[in-house]
């Protein structure tokens, strides 16, 4: 069984800010092209990866501060690069 973490807890650990549903739980970190399911957390620090978020099942992402993924992402954490 995989451990799960809320987006709020991850944001606090990373020193970032969560936008959206901070209670959303994730279990696995993945590149946007490798997302397997809705409980994956997509790591999309490059603006070129934003379109991949739209094509993935990910509901949560970590993005570079200043980036804003589409509304398909229910929660994201913005962090410094």
C-alpha atoms as a PDB file:
ATOM      1  CA  UNK A   1       0.000   0.000   0.000  1.00  0.00           C
ATOM      2  CA  UNK A   2       1.336   3.439  -0.939  1.00  0.00           C
ATOM      3  CA  UNK A   3       1.492   6.348   1.458  1.00  0.00           C
ATOM      4  CA  UNK A   4      -0.682   9.306   0.605  1.00  0.00           C
ATOM      5  CA  UNK A   5      -0.088  12.976   1.297  1.00  0.00           C
ATOM      6  CA  UNK A   6      -2.384  15.963   1.041  1.00  0.00           C
ATOM      7  CA  UNK A   7      -1.472  18.811  -1.224  1.00  0.00           C
ATOM      8  CA  UNK A   8      -1.499  21.159   1.792  1.00  0.00           C
ATOM      9  CA  UNK A   9       1.015  18.999   3.680  1.00  0.00           C
ATOM     10  CA  UNK A  10       3.290  18.836   0.633  1.00  0.00           C
ATOM     11  CA  UNK A  11       3.055  22.594   0.088  1.00  0.00           C
ATOM     12  CA  UNK A  12       4.085  23.215   3.695  1.00  0.00           C
ATOM     13  CA  UNK A  13       7.007  20.784   3.388  1.00  0.00           C
ATOM     14  CA  UNK A  14       8.169  22.399   0.138  1.00  0.00           C
ATOM     15  CA  UNK A  15       7.680  25.976   1.264  1.00  0.00           C
ATOM     16  CA  UNK A  16       5.224  26.536  -1.546  1.00  0.00           C
ATOM     17  CA  UNK A  17       1.631  27.678  -1.850  1.00  0.00           C
ATOM     18  CA  UNK A  18      -1.218  25.365  -2.737  1.00  0.00           C
ATOM     19  CA  UNK A  19      -3.947  26.670  -5.025  1.00  0.00           C
ATOM     20  CA  UNK A  20      -7.151  24.690  -5.207  1.00  0.00           C
ATOM     21  CA  UNK A  21      -8.100  21.692  -3.068  1.00  0.00           C
ATOM     22  CA  UNK A  22      -5.435  21.442  -0.353  1.00  0.00           C
ATOM     23  CA  UNK A  23      -7.112  18.292   0.967  1.00  0.00           C
ATOM     24  CA  UNK A  24      -6.572  16.405  -2.284  1.00  0.00           C
ATOM     25  CA  UNK A  25      -4.484  13.303  -1.561  1.00  0.00           C
ATOM     26  CA  UNK A  26      -1.703  12.071  -3.861  1.00  0.00           C
ATOM     27  CA  UNK A  27       0.389   8.910  -3.685  1.00  0.00           C
ATOM     28  CA  UNK A  28       2.977   9.070  -6.462  1.00  0.00           C
ATOM     29  CA  UNK A  29       5.197  11.719  -8.075  1.00  0.00           C
ATOM     30  CA  UNK A  30       5.416  11.496 -11.870  1.00  0.00           C
ATOM     31  CA  UNK A  31       6.491  13.366 -14.989  1.00  0.00           C
ATOM     32  CA  UNK A  32       3.308  14.590 -16.738  1.00  0.00           C
ATOM     33  CA  UNK A  33       3.886  12.109 -19.580  1.00  0.00           C
ATOM     34  CA  UNK A  34       4.137   9.221 -17.083  1.00  0.00           C
ATOM     35  CA  UNK A  35       1.016   9.878 -15.006  1.00  0.00           C
ATOM     36  CA  UNK A  36      -0.842   6.605 -14.401  1.00  0.00           C
ATOM     37  CA  UNK A  37      -3.872   7.741 -12.459  1.00  0.00           C
ATOM     38  CA  UNK A  38      -5.759  10.514 -10.718  1.00  0.00           C
ATOM     39  CA  UNK A  39      -3.785  10.063  -7.486  1.00  0.00           C
ATOM     40  CA  UNK A  40      -0.461  10.881  -9.188  1.00  0.00           C
ATOM     41  CA  UNK A  41       1.231  14.227  -8.553  1.00  0.00           C
ATOM     42  CA  UNK A  42       2.619  15.618 -11.811  1.00  0.00           C
ATOM     43  CA  UNK A  43       5.930  17.494 -11.597  1.00  0.00           C
ATOM     44  CA  UNK A  44       5.819  20.149 -14.330  1.00  0.00           C
ATOM     45  CA  UNK A  45       8.465  22.775 -13.597  1.00  0.00           C
ATOM     46  CA  UNK A  46       8.965  23.733 -17.259  1.00  0.00           C
ATOM     47  CA  UNK A  47       6.273  25.714 -19.132  1.00  0.00           C
ATOM     48  CA  UNK A  48       6.662  23.281 -22.052  1.00  0.00           C
ATOM     49  CA  UNK A  49       5.154  20.560 -19.857  1.00  0.00           C
ATOM     50  CA  UNK A  50       1.874  22.408 -19.195  1.00  0.00           C
ATOM     51  CA  UNK A  51       0.133  20.958 -22.274  1.00  0.00           C
ATOM     52  CA  UNK A  52       0.956  17.447 -21.026  1.00  0.00           C
ATOM     53  CA  UNK A  53      -1.026  18.158 -17.864  1.00  0.00           C
ATOM     54  CA  UNK A  54      -4.146  18.668 -19.987  1.00  0.00           C
ATOM     55  CA  UNK A  55      -3.618  15.265 -21.602  1.00  0.00           C
ATOM     56  CA  UNK A  56      -2.944  13.396 -18.364  1.00  0.00           C
ATOM     57  CA  UNK A  57      -5.201  12.007 -15.646  1.00  0.00           C
ATOM     58  CA  UNK A  58      -3.372  14.037 -12.993  1.00  0.00           C
ATOM     59  CA  UNK A  59      -5.582  16.172 -10.779  1.00  0.00           C
ATOM     60  CA  UNK A  60      -2.603  17.619  -8.891  1.00  0.00           C
ATOM     61  CA  UNK A  61       0.705  19.181  -9.922  1.00  0.00           C
ATOM     62  CA  UNK A  62       3.824  20.935  -8.727  1.00  0.00           C
ATOM     63  CA  UNK A  63       4.695  23.861 -10.986  1.00  0.00           C
ATOM     64  CA  UNK A  64       7.186  26.722 -11.066  1.00  0.00           C
ATOM     65  CA  UNK A  65       6.013  29.857  -9.271  1.00  0.00           C
ATOM     66  CA  UNK A  66       4.162  32.055 -11.764  1.00  0.00           C
ATOM     67  CA  UNK A  67       2.816  29.139 -13.806  1.00  0.00           C
ATOM     68  CA  UNK A  68      -0.858  28.259 -13.746  1.00  0.00           C
ATOM     69  CA  UNK A  69      -2.028  24.915 -15.106  1.00  0.00           C
ATOM     70  CA  UNK A  70      -5.421  24.484 -16.730  1.00  0.00           C
ATOM     71  CA  UNK A  71      -8.591  23.937 -14.747  1.00  0.00           C
ATOM     72  CA  UNK A  72      -8.261  20.179 -15.312  1.00  0.00           C
ATOM     73  CA  UNK A  73      -5.776  20.290 -12.424  1.00  0.00           C
ATOM     74  CA  UNK A  74      -7.773  20.533  -9.185  1.00  0.00           C
ATOM     75  CA  UNK A  75      -4.825  21.582  -7.015  1.00  0.00           C
ATOM     76  CA  UNK A  76      -1.282  22.725  -7.653  1.00  0.00           C
ATOM     77  CA  UNK A  77       1.691  23.805  -5.620  1.00  0.00           C
ATOM     78  CA  UNK A  78       3.787  26.706  -6.895  1.00  0.00           C
ATOM     79  CA  UNK A  79       7.438  26.615  -5.857  1.00  0.00           C
ATOM     80  CA  UNK A  80      10.618  28.463  -6.785  1.00  0.00           C
ATOM     81  CA  UNK A  81      12.744  26.744  -9.393  1.00  0.00           C
END
